[in-house]
Amino acid sequence: MVLVAADVLGAPCWLSLLARDLQAAERFYGAVLGWSFRRGVFGRASSVAELDGVAVAGIGATSGGPFAPVAWTVYFAVHDADAAVARVRERGGTVGVGPVSYPPRGRAALATDPESAAFGLWEGEVLSEWRVGEGRAPAWVELHTRDAFDAAVFYGEVLEWGADASGTGDAGCEVSYEEDQVVLRRGDGQAVARLNSGPLEAAAERPQLRPHWLVHFKVPDLERAKAAVLEHGGSIVPDAPHTTGSGEVRQRVTVCDPDGGLFTLDHSASA
């Protein structure tokens, strides 16, 4: 495991899940996604999921009890967590946790945007081999919200998209508007996130109908992965919003793990 400074500030830099039963979550995601696991920095309370030896995501044991909500969280790299947290509050978001120090690697905070979609902030070192995006990366992310353009303004200001936040001359992530979507790209042109508008409500009973960041994991055999979800106690989400970009047709299905953690399976021949 090699830790480096985040190479693109404002971009997704990690994915995490807080599970009620860490071992049960490992069995489920191992069966569905083919992941293997090693202990995380907090020992038996956390693990790092790997695919072909490359880290994909973190899973930790929640201390919130059996009724604590389970959800995947997307973390974004920032230069200064305190400043980013202040920008969240100034622009109508809410900070739930942090910044909290995780020496010697960095500092983290959990927040929600003005539409109540949750996300994380990370200041510090990241795994050098970790990637998210629409290319060969094993995962990518998209925001489902009521107004993608309003959301782009919020996240653009909080995460300083298009700005040289580090003072190195690197403009970081750039935003473009493509086919009624907001697309976040790294400096090399790689799309790493999409923001989509839809008929969602923060008070909706089902999580897939509320504003949220949705994590996509790529699988080589979608039908086999769906069967594994059902076999290991998960469920298929029939009314989850799905979007595509650049005229691309994707095979995908949104599912829940046994504790209600929402994510999407994307067919990928290179997964």
Protein backbone atom coordinates (compact mmCIF):
# COMPACT_ATOMS: atom_id res chain seq x y z
CA MET A 1 0.00 0.00 0.00
CA VAL A 2 1.55 3.27 -1.15
CA LEU A 3 0.21 6.57 0.14
CA VAL A 4 0.65 9.76 -1.87
CA ALA A 5 -0.73 13.29 -1.90
CA ALA A 6 -4.04 13.53 -3.76
CA ASP A 7 -3.13 14.15 -7.39
CA VAL A 8 -6.41 15.87 -8.31
CA LEU A 9 -8.07 17.99 -5.64
CA GLY A 10 -11.86 18.10 -5.81
CA ALA A 11 -12.06 14.59 -7.28
CA PRO A 12 -13.46 11.47 -5.60
CA CYS A 13 -10.63 9.90 -3.60
CA TRP A 14 -12.25 7.03 -1.65
CA LEU A 15 -15.46 5.05 -1.12
CA SER A 16 -16.60 3.71 2.23
CA LEU A 17 -19.43 1.77 3.82
CA LEU A 18 -20.35 1.54 7.49
CA ALA A 19 -21.89 -1.89 8.02
CA ARG A 20 -23.77 -3.29 11.00
CA ASP A 21 -21.88 -6.61 10.73
CA LEU A 22 -18.44 -6.33 9.14
CA GLN A 23 -17.99 -10.05 8.52
CA ALA A 24 -21.46 -10.39 6.99
CA ALA A 25 -20.75 -7.41 4.70
CA GLU A 26 -17.48 -8.99 3.61
CA ARG A 27 -19.27 -12.24 2.71
CA PHE A 28 -21.93 -10.37 0.72
CA TYR A 29 -19.63 -8.09 -1.25
CA GLY A 30 -17.10 -10.85 -1.76
CA ALA A 31 -19.78 -13.05 -3.33
CA VAL A 32 -21.36 -10.29 -5.45
CA LEU A 33 -18.26 -8.37 -6.56
CA GLY A 34 -15.46 -10.89 -6.16
CA TRP A 35 -13.64 -8.76 -3.59
CA SER A 36 -11.06 -10.02 -1.13
CA PHE A 37 -10.40 -8.21 2.15
CA ARG A 38 -7.53 -7.19 4.39
CA ARG A 39 -7.66 -5.48 7.75
CA GLY A 40 -7.88 -1.70 7.69
CA VAL A 41 -6.13 0.90 9.80
CA PHE A 42 -8.57 0.33 12.69
CA GLY A 43 -7.82 -3.38 13.02
CA ARG A 44 -10.77 -5.73 13.36
CA ALA A 45 -13.25 -2.83 13.15
CA SER A 46 -12.51 -2.12 9.48
CA SER A 47 -11.35 -3.74 6.26
CA VAL A 48 -10.15 -2.70 2.82
CA ALA A 49 -11.81 -4.39 -0.16
CA GLU A 50 -9.50 -5.34 -3.01
CA LEU A 51 -10.05 -6.53 -6.57
CA ASP A 52 -7.08 -8.15 -8.30
CA GLY A 53 -4.87 -6.80 -5.53
CA VAL A 54 -5.98 -3.18 -5.96
CA ALA A 55 -7.91 -1.36 -3.23
CA VAL A 56 -11.49 -0.48 -4.18
CA ALA A 57 -13.30 0.62 -1.01
CA GLY A 58 -13.32 0.57 2.77
CA ILE A 59 -15.85 -1.13 5.03
CA GLY A 60 -16.13 -0.34 8.71
CA ALA A 61 -18.30 -1.55 11.57
CA THR A 62 -20.82 1.08 12.63
CA SER A 63 -21.26 1.84 16.31
CA GLY A 64 -24.76 3.20 15.76
CA GLY A 65 -26.59 -0.02 16.63
CA PRO A 66 -28.98 -2.16 14.60
CA PHE A 67 -31.10 0.78 13.43
CA ALA A 68 -28.26 2.97 12.15
CA PRO A 69 -28.68 3.71 8.42
CA VAL A 70 -26.26 1.93 6.10
CA ALA A 71 -25.07 3.78 3.01
CA TRP A 72 -22.07 4.12 0.74
CA THR A 73 -20.18 7.41 1.07
CA VAL A 74 -18.10 9.14 -1.60
CA TYR A 75 -15.11 11.12 -0.28
CA PHE A 76 -13.62 14.06 -2.18
CA ALA A 77 -10.04 15.28 -1.83
CA VAL A 78 -9.61 18.82 -0.50
CA HIS A 79 -6.57 20.93 0.29
CA ASP A 80 -7.88 22.19 3.65
CA ALA A 81 -10.69 20.33 5.45
CA ASP A 82 -11.47 23.23 7.80
CA ALA A 83 -11.87 25.64 4.90
CA ALA A 84 -14.00 23.14 2.95
CA VAL A 85 -16.27 22.58 5.96
CA ALA A 86 -16.71 26.35 6.29
CA ARG A 87 -17.68 26.55 2.61
CA VAL A 88 -20.25 23.77 3.10
CA ARG A 89 -21.95 25.76 5.88
CA GLU A 90 -21.73 29.08 4.03
CA ARG A 91 -23.47 27.59 1.00
CA GLY A 92 -26.39 25.95 2.79
CA GLY A 93 -25.02 22.48 3.48
CA THR A 94 -24.73 20.73 6.84
CA VAL A 95 -21.67 19.25 8.51
CA GLY A 96 -22.45 16.13 10.53
CA VAL A 97 -18.98 15.02 11.63
CA GLY A 98 -15.54 16.60 11.73
CA PRO A 99 -13.09 17.41 10.57
CA VAL A 100 -11.67 14.47 12.54
CA SER A 101 -7.95 13.65 12.52
CA TYR A 102 -6.71 10.24 11.39
CA PRO A 103 -2.99 10.55 12.06
CA PRO A 104 -0.70 10.32 10.29
CA ARG A 105 -2.70 10.12 7.05
CA GLY A 106 -5.10 13.04 7.20
CA ARG A 107 -8.43 14.49 8.31
CA ALA A 108 -12.02 13.71 7.32
CA ALA A 109 -15.48 15.25 7.58
CA LEU A 110 -18.98 14.10 6.69
CA ALA A 111 -21.49 16.57 5.28
CA THR A 112 -24.73 16.88 3.35
CA ASP A 113 -25.48 19.25 0.49
CA PRO A 114 -28.52 21.60 0.52
CA GLU A 115 -30.68 18.76 -0.90
CA SER A 116 -29.51 16.37 1.90
CA ALA A 117 -27.25 14.16 -0.23
CA ALA A 118 -24.39 12.93 1.99
CA PHE A 119 -20.71 13.06 1.03
CA GLY A 120 -17.29 13.08 2.64
CA LEU A 121 -14.28 15.39 2.61
CA TRP A 122 -10.70 14.16 2.92
CA GLU A 123 -7.53 16.18 3.49
CA GLY A 124 -4.37 14.12 3.35
CA GLU A 125 -2.71 11.17 1.68
CA VAL A 126 -4.59 8.74 -0.57
CA LEU A 127 -3.84 5.30 -2.01
CA SER A 128 -1.67 5.72 -5.08
CA GLU A 129 -3.34 2.98 -7.13
CA TRP A 130 -6.95 3.89 -6.32
CA ARG A 131 -9.08 5.20 -9.18
CA VAL A 132 -12.73 5.88 -9.94
CA GLY A 133 -14.12 6.74 -13.36
CA GLU A 134 -15.90 5.64 -16.50
CA GLY A 135 -12.83 3.93 -17.97
CA ARG A 136 -11.24 0.78 -16.59
CA ALA A 137 -11.61 1.79 -12.94
CA PRO A 138 -13.71 -0.71 -10.95
CA ALA A 139 -16.12 1.99 -9.74
CA TRP A 140 -17.58 5.37 -10.59
CA VAL A 141 -20.05 7.75 -8.95
CA GLU A 142 -22.99 9.94 -9.82
CA LEU A 143 -25.16 12.39 -7.94
CA HIS A 144 -28.94 12.13 -8.24
CA THR A 145 -30.45 15.45 -7.23
CA ARG A 146 -33.36 17.73 -8.12
CA ASP A 147 -31.27 20.26 -10.04
CA ALA A 148 -27.84 19.22 -11.28
CA PHE A 149 -26.88 22.78 -12.20
CA ASP A 150 -27.60 24.11 -8.70
CA ALA A 151 -25.70 21.15 -7.28
CA ALA A 152 -22.75 21.87 -9.56
CA VAL A 153 -22.56 25.41 -8.18
CA PHE A 154 -22.57 24.10 -4.59
CA TYR A 155 -19.98 21.36 -5.12
CA GLY A 156 -17.91 23.52 -7.43
CA GLU A 157 -17.54 26.16 -4.73
CA VAL A 158 -17.06 23.70 -1.84
CA LEU A 159 -14.56 21.48 -3.68
CA GLU A 160 -13.03 24.31 -5.75
CA TRP A 161 -13.57 22.62 -9.08
CA GLY A 162 -11.58 24.37 -11.76
CA ALA A 163 -9.48 26.28 -9.20
CA ASP A 164 -5.84 25.91 -8.21
CA ALA A 165 -6.62 25.08 -4.58
CA SER A 166 -3.13 23.73 -3.84
CA GLY A 167 -1.18 26.62 -5.33
CA THR A 168 0.73 24.28 -7.65
CA GLY A 169 -0.71 25.54 -10.92
CA ASP A 170 -2.90 22.44 -11.28
CA ALA A 171 -6.49 23.45 -12.05
CA GLY A 172 -7.80 20.20 -10.57
CA CYS A 173 -11.15 18.94 -11.82
CA GLU A 174 -13.09 20.62 -14.60
CA VAL A 175 -16.85 20.72 -15.10
CA SER A 176 -18.67 20.45 -18.41
CA TYR A 177 -22.35 20.28 -19.38
CA GLU A 178 -23.16 17.34 -21.62
CA GLU A 179 -26.64 16.14 -22.64
CA ASP A 180 -28.39 17.76 -19.65
CA GLN A 181 -25.83 16.34 -17.23
CA VAL A 182 -22.97 17.91 -15.35
CA VAL A 183 -19.78 15.92 -15.90
CA LEU A 184 -16.73 16.15 -13.66
CA ARG A 185 -13.43 15.37 -15.38
CA ARG A 186 -9.83 15.08 -14.29
CA GLY A 187 -7.20 17.10 -16.11
CA ASP A 188 -6.52 14.11 -18.40
CA GLY A 189 -10.15 14.18 -19.60
CA GLN A 190 -11.24 11.13 -17.62
CA ALA A 191 -14.84 11.45 -16.40
CA VAL A 192 -14.94 10.69 -12.66
CA ALA A 193 -18.47 11.76 -11.72
CA ARG A 194 -21.80 12.85 -13.15
CA LEU A 195 -24.51 15.03 -11.65
CA ASN A 196 -28.07 14.32 -12.81
CA SER A 197 -31.42 16.07 -12.32
CA GLY A 198 -34.56 14.12 -11.46
CA PRO A 199 -37.88 14.10 -9.54
CA LEU A 200 -36.43 13.39 -6.09
CA GLU A 201 -37.53 14.50 -2.63
CA ALA A 202 -35.46 14.66 0.57
CA ALA A 203 -38.45 13.35 2.56
CA ALA A 204 -39.12 10.35 0.28
CA GLU A 205 -39.55 7.09 2.17
CA ARG A 206 -37.28 5.06 -0.10
CA PRO A 207 -33.61 6.08 -0.26
CA GLN A 208 -33.41 5.67 -4.04
CA LEU A 209 -35.98 8.46 -4.41
CA ARG A 210 -34.05 10.94 -2.24
CA PRO A 211 -31.11 13.05 -3.44
CA HIS A 212 -28.01 10.89 -3.04
CA TRP A 213 -24.57 10.02 -4.33
CA LEU A 214 -24.83 6.63 -6.00
CA VAL A 215 -21.79 4.36 -6.23
CA HIS A 216 -21.48 2.09 -9.28
CA PHE A 217 -19.38 -1.08 -9.20
CA LYS A 218 -18.47 -2.75 -12.46
CA VAL A 219 -18.95 -6.47 -13.01
CA PRO A 220 -18.15 -8.71 -16.00
CA ASP A 221 -21.37 -10.75 -15.68
CA LEU A 222 -24.40 -8.71 -14.63
CA GLU A 223 -26.82 -11.65 -14.38
CA ARG A 224 -24.45 -13.62 -12.19
CA ALA A 225 -23.93 -10.61 -9.92
CA LYS A 226 -27.70 -10.05 -9.62
CA ALA A 227 -28.19 -13.71 -8.70
CA ALA A 228 -25.49 -13.42 -6.04
CA VAL A 229 -27.21 -10.33 -4.57
CA LEU A 230 -30.45 -12.28 -4.08
CA GLU A 231 -28.74 -15.45 -2.93
CA HIS A 232 -26.87 -13.60 -0.18
CA GLY A 233 -29.77 -11.61 1.24
CA GLY A 234 -29.77 -8.46 -0.89
CA SER A 235 -32.57 -7.11 -3.07
CA ILE A 236 -33.17 -5.52 -6.46
CA VAL A 237 -34.36 -1.88 -6.49
CA PRO A 238 -37.00 -1.63 -9.25
CA ASP A 239 -37.59 2.14 -9.36
CA ALA A 240 -34.10 3.58 -9.01
CA PRO A 241 -33.36 6.43 -11.45
CA HIS A 242 -30.88 5.50 -14.18
CA THR A 243 -29.11 7.84 -16.54
CA THR A 244 -26.56 7.49 -19.32
CA GLY A 245 -24.22 9.92 -20.95
CA SER A 246 -22.65 10.51 -24.36
CA GLY A 247 -25.28 8.35 -26.07
CA GLU A 248 -23.88 5.27 -24.29
CA VAL A 249 -26.22 2.36 -23.57
CA ARG A 250 -25.35 0.62 -20.31
CA GLN A 251 -26.58 -2.58 -18.72
CA ARG A 252 -27.07 -1.86 -15.05
CA VAL A 253 -29.22 -2.60 -12.04
CA THR A 254 -29.47 -0.88 -8.68
CA VAL A 255 -29.52 -3.14 -5.64
CA CYS A 256 -29.43 -3.05 -1.84
CA ASP A 257 -27.19 -5.11 0.40
CA PRO A 258 -28.86 -6.98 3.32
CA ASP A 259 -28.61 -3.87 5.54
CA GLY A 260 -30.07 -1.50 2.93
CA GLY A 261 -26.84 -0.10 1.49
CA LEU A 262 -27.74 1.16 -1.99
CA PHE A 263 -25.39 0.72 -4.97
CA THR A 264 -25.51 -0.05 -8.69
CA LEU A 265 -24.03 -2.93 -10.67
CA ASP A 266 -22.75 -1.93 -14.10
CA HIS A 267 -21.87 -4.46 -16.76
CA SER A 268 -18.31 -3.95 -17.94
CA ALA A 269 -16.45 -6.29 -20.25
CA SER A 270 -13.18 -5.11 -18.70
CA ALA A 271 -14.29 -5.51 -15.07
